[in-house]
Amino acid sequence: MSQPPVGTRVLIVEDDTIIAMTAEDMLDECGCKTAAVAGSVSEALARAADTDFDIALLDLNLKDEDSLPVARHLRDNGKRFVFATGYDGLPADSGFADAPVISKPYRIEQLATVIAQTLAA
């Protein structure tokens, strides 16, 4: 299992509180720190602007919206991110065919590895 650098700061964008808390616990176990948690696109964009973080974990589907606008903002600002989804990948027309994706439900080993690989890329 690849490990992200100790102290890696992660912005979690997740609308399900239980999943967000579980992700926080997993990140803590692999030496990362939760920089902030956001549950909507508007909140995620605000946290992206006012929070120091190294990488974002983006739930693809946030209630009645998707996190693609957040991903575009992060990409435009040189920030790394990983999509998390319970569906079969990203929409074909998303514009993020090369973006890293982790399938839900994920295990700590998978989360640590995708963060480490994305930061190293």
C-alpha atoms as a PDB file:
ATOM      1  CA  MET A   1       0.000   0.000   0.000  1.00  0.00           C
ATOM      2  CA  SER A   2       1.330   3.415  -0.952  1.00  0.00           C
ATOM      3  CA  GLN A   3       1.126   6.015   1.778  1.00  0.00           C
ATOM      4  CA  PRO A   4       0.567   9.734   1.292  1.00  0.00           C
ATOM      5  CA  PRO A   5       3.088  12.038   2.950  1.00  0.00           C
ATOM      6  CA  VAL A   6       2.390  12.420   6.669  1.00  0.00           C
ATOM      7  CA  GLY A   7       0.448  15.604   7.306  1.00  0.00           C
ATOM      8  CA  THR A   8      -1.166  15.746   3.847  1.00  0.00           C
ATOM      9  CA  ARG A   9      -4.096  18.157   4.146  1.00  0.00           C
ATOM     10  CA  VAL A  10      -7.320  16.931   2.526  1.00  0.00           C
ATOM     11  CA  LEU A  11     -10.444  18.882   1.646  1.00  0.00           C
ATOM     12  CA  ILE A  12     -13.378  16.455   1.836  1.00  0.00           C
ATOM     13  CA  VAL A  13     -16.387  17.266  -0.357  1.00  0.00           C
ATOM     14  CA  GLU A  14     -19.115  14.837   0.684  1.00  0.00           C
ATOM     15  CA  ASP A  15     -22.829  15.375   1.326  1.00  0.00           C
ATOM     16  CA  ASP A  16     -23.311  12.271   3.497  1.00  0.00           C
ATOM     17  CA  THR A  17     -22.181  13.025   7.065  1.00  0.00           C
ATOM     18  CA  ILE A  18     -21.450   9.378   7.926  1.00  0.00           C
ATOM     19  CA  ILE A  19     -19.302   8.896   4.805  1.00  0.00           C
ATOM     20  CA  ALA A  20     -17.481  12.180   5.500  1.00  0.00           C
ATOM     21  CA  MET A  21     -16.767  11.121   9.099  1.00  0.00           C
ATOM     22  CA  THR A  22     -15.564   7.709   7.927  1.00  0.00           C
ATOM     23  CA  ALA A  23     -13.265   9.366   5.380  1.00  0.00           C
ATOM     24  CA  GLU A  24     -11.898  11.631   8.124  1.00  0.00           C
ATOM     25  CA  ASP A  25     -11.122   8.594  10.291  1.00  0.00           C
ATOM     26  CA  MET A  26      -9.430   6.796   7.394  1.00  0.00           C
ATOM     27  CA  LEU A  27      -7.363   9.857   6.521  1.00  0.00           C
ATOM     28  CA  ASP A  28      -6.299  10.240  10.134  1.00  0.00           C
ATOM     29  CA  GLU A  29      -5.225   6.581  10.211  1.00  0.00           C
ATOM     30  CA  CYS A  30      -2.996   7.025   7.185  1.00  0.00           C
ATOM     31  CA  GLY A  31      -1.347  10.174   8.552  1.00  0.00           C
ATOM     32  CA  CYS A  32      -3.377  12.813   6.722  1.00  0.00           C
ATOM     33  CA  LYS A  33      -5.245  15.767   8.194  1.00  0.00           C
ATOM     34  CA  THR A  34      -8.729  16.917   7.288  1.00  0.00           C
ATOM     35  CA  ALA A  35      -8.399  20.534   6.185  1.00  0.00           C
ATOM     36  CA  ALA A  36     -12.166  21.088   5.862  1.00  0.00           C
ATOM     37  CA  VAL A  37     -15.393  19.305   4.999  1.00  0.00           C
ATOM     38  CA  ALA A  38     -17.974  20.671   2.552  1.00  0.00           C
ATOM     39  CA  GLY A  39     -21.341  19.208   1.624  1.00  0.00           C
ATOM     40  CA  SER A  40     -22.307  21.264  -1.429  1.00  0.00           C
ATOM     41  CA  VAL A  41     -20.726  22.869  -4.480  1.00  0.00           C
ATOM     42  CA  SER A  42     -21.042  26.395  -3.063  1.00  0.00           C
ATOM     43  CA  GLU A  43     -19.540  25.353   0.262  1.00  0.00           C
ATOM     44  CA  ALA A  44     -16.755  23.429  -1.481  1.00  0.00           C
ATOM     45  CA  LEU A  45     -15.859  26.433  -3.633  1.00  0.00           C
ATOM     46  CA  ALA A  46     -15.763  28.628  -0.517  1.00  0.00           C
ATOM     47  CA  ARG A  47     -13.526  26.128   1.320  1.00  0.00           C
ATOM     48  CA  ALA A  48     -11.282  25.827  -1.758  1.00  0.00           C
ATOM     49  CA  ALA A  49     -10.801  29.595  -1.595  1.00  0.00           C
ATOM     50  CA  ASP A  50     -10.213  29.969   2.151  1.00  0.00           C
ATOM     51  CA  THR A  51      -8.556  26.694   3.200  1.00  0.00           C
ATOM     52  CA  ASP A  52      -4.993  25.445   2.771  1.00  0.00           C
ATOM     53  CA  PHE A  53      -5.052  21.876   1.449  1.00  0.00           C
ATOM     54  CA  ASP A  54      -2.915  19.571  -0.661  1.00  0.00           C
ATOM     55  CA  ILE A  55      -5.618  17.463  -2.296  1.00  0.00           C
ATOM     56  CA  ALA A  56      -9.409  17.229  -2.379  1.00  0.00           C
ATOM     57  CA  LEU A  57     -11.601  14.149  -2.157  1.00  0.00           C
ATOM     58  CA  LEU A  58     -14.703  14.944  -4.235  1.00  0.00           C
ATOM     59  CA  ASP A  59     -17.904  12.951  -3.971  1.00  0.00           C
ATOM     60  CA  LEU A  60     -19.189  13.079  -7.560  1.00  0.00           C
ATOM     61  CA  ASN A  61     -22.875  13.354  -6.621  1.00  0.00           C
ATOM     62  CA  LEU A  62     -23.876  15.924  -4.023  1.00  0.00           C
ATOM     63  CA  LYS A  63     -27.643  15.724  -3.478  1.00  0.00           C
ATOM     64  CA  ASP A  64     -29.109  17.511  -6.539  1.00  0.00           C
ATOM     65  CA  GLU A  65     -25.790  18.596  -8.062  1.00  0.00           C
ATOM     66  CA  ASP A  66     -22.458  17.145  -9.047  1.00  0.00           C
ATOM     67  CA  SER A  67     -18.973  18.218  -8.012  1.00  0.00           C
ATOM     68  CA  LEU A  68     -17.719  18.864 -11.574  1.00  0.00           C
ATOM     69  CA  PRO A  69     -17.723  22.672 -11.057  1.00  0.00           C
ATOM     70  CA  VAL A  70     -15.501  22.159  -8.010  1.00  0.00           C
ATOM     71  CA  ALA A  71     -13.170  19.906 -10.000  1.00  0.00           C
ATOM     72  CA  ARG A  72     -12.945  22.519 -12.781  1.00  0.00           C
ATOM     73  CA  HIS A  73     -12.095  25.216 -10.227  1.00  0.00           C
ATOM     74  CA  LEU A  74      -9.431  23.025  -8.614  1.00  0.00           C
ATOM     75  CA  ARG A  75      -7.919  22.058 -11.970  1.00  0.00           C
ATOM     76  CA  ASP A  76      -7.847  25.710 -13.077  1.00  0.00           C
ATOM     77  CA  ASN A  77      -6.012  26.595  -9.856  1.00  0.00           C
ATOM     78  CA  GLY A  78      -3.490  23.756 -10.013  1.00  0.00           C
ATOM     79  CA  LYS A  79      -4.967  21.793  -7.106  1.00  0.00           C
ATOM     80  CA  ARG A  80      -5.051  18.006  -7.120  1.00  0.00           C
ATOM     81  CA  PHE A  81      -8.204  16.016  -6.477  1.00  0.00           C
ATOM     82  CA  VAL A  82      -9.692  12.534  -6.519  1.00  0.00           C
ATOM     83  CA  PHE A  83     -13.298  11.756  -7.387  1.00  0.00           C
ATOM     84  CA  ALA A  84     -15.198   9.304  -5.188  1.00  0.00           C
ATOM     85  CA  THR A  85     -18.322   7.699  -6.591  1.00  0.00           C
ATOM     86  CA  GLY A  86     -20.644   4.802  -6.008  1.00  0.00           C
ATOM     87  CA  TYR A  87     -21.507   4.802  -9.708  1.00  0.00           C
ATOM     88  CA  ASP A  88     -19.633   3.324 -12.634  1.00  0.00           C
ATOM     89  CA  GLY A  89     -17.034   6.046 -13.150  1.00  0.00           C
ATOM     90  CA  LEU A  90     -17.530   9.582 -14.403  1.00  0.00           C
ATOM     91  CA  PRO A  91     -19.936  10.756 -17.100  1.00  0.00           C
ATOM     92  CA  ALA A  92     -18.343  10.404 -20.547  1.00  0.00           C
ATOM     93  CA  ASP A  93     -18.749  14.131 -21.227  1.00  0.00           C
ATOM     94  CA  SER A  94     -17.374  15.273 -17.864  1.00  0.00           C
ATOM     95  CA  GLY A  95     -14.070  16.499 -19.250  1.00  0.00           C
ATOM     96  CA  PHE A  96     -12.223  14.521 -16.586  1.00  0.00           C
ATOM     97  CA  ALA A  97     -11.501  11.228 -18.345  1.00  0.00           C
ATOM     98  CA  ASP A  98      -7.963  11.235 -16.930  1.00  0.00           C
ATOM     99  CA  ALA A  99      -8.917  12.188 -13.350  1.00  0.00           C
ATOM    100  CA  PRO A 100      -8.299   9.681 -10.563  1.00  0.00           C
ATOM    101  CA  VAL A 101     -11.445   7.962  -9.301  1.00  0.00           C
ATOM    102  CA  ILE A 102     -12.003   5.805  -6.239  1.00  0.00           C
ATOM    103  CA  SER A 103     -15.118   3.631  -6.085  1.00  0.00           C
ATOM    104  CA  LYS A 104     -17.369   3.689  -3.046  1.00  0.00           C
ATOM    105  CA  PRO A 105     -17.356   1.973  -0.711  1.00  0.00           C
ATOM    106  CA  TYR A 106     -13.572   2.245  -0.501  1.00  0.00           C
ATOM    107  CA  ARG A 107     -11.144   0.834   2.026  1.00  0.00           C
ATOM    108  CA  ILE A 108      -8.381   2.730   3.788  1.00  0.00           C
ATOM    109  CA  GLU A 109      -5.709   1.023   1.678  1.00  0.00           C
ATOM    110  CA  GLN A 110      -7.413   2.180  -1.532  1.00  0.00           C
ATOM    111  CA  LEU A 111      -7.817   5.729  -0.235  1.00  0.00           C
ATOM    112  CA  ALA A 112      -4.199   5.991   0.915  1.00  0.00           C
ATOM    113  CA  THR A 113      -2.919   4.597  -2.396  1.00  0.00           C
ATOM    114  CA  VAL A 114      -4.993   6.882  -4.667  1.00  0.00           C
ATOM    115  CA  ILE A 115      -4.004   9.967  -2.640  1.00  0.00           C
ATOM    116  CA  ALA A 116      -0.313   8.981  -2.685  1.00  0.00           C
ATOM    117  CA  GLN A 117      -0.384   8.263  -6.429  1.00  0.00           C
ATOM    118  CA  THR A 118      -2.255  11.463  -7.257  1.00  0.00           C
ATOM    119  CA  LEU A 119       0.155  13.588  -5.238  1.00  0.00           C
ATOM    120  CA  ALA A 120       3.136  11.865  -6.853  1.00  0.00           C
ATOM    121  CA  ALA A 121       1.848  12.333 -10.418  1.00  0.00           C
END
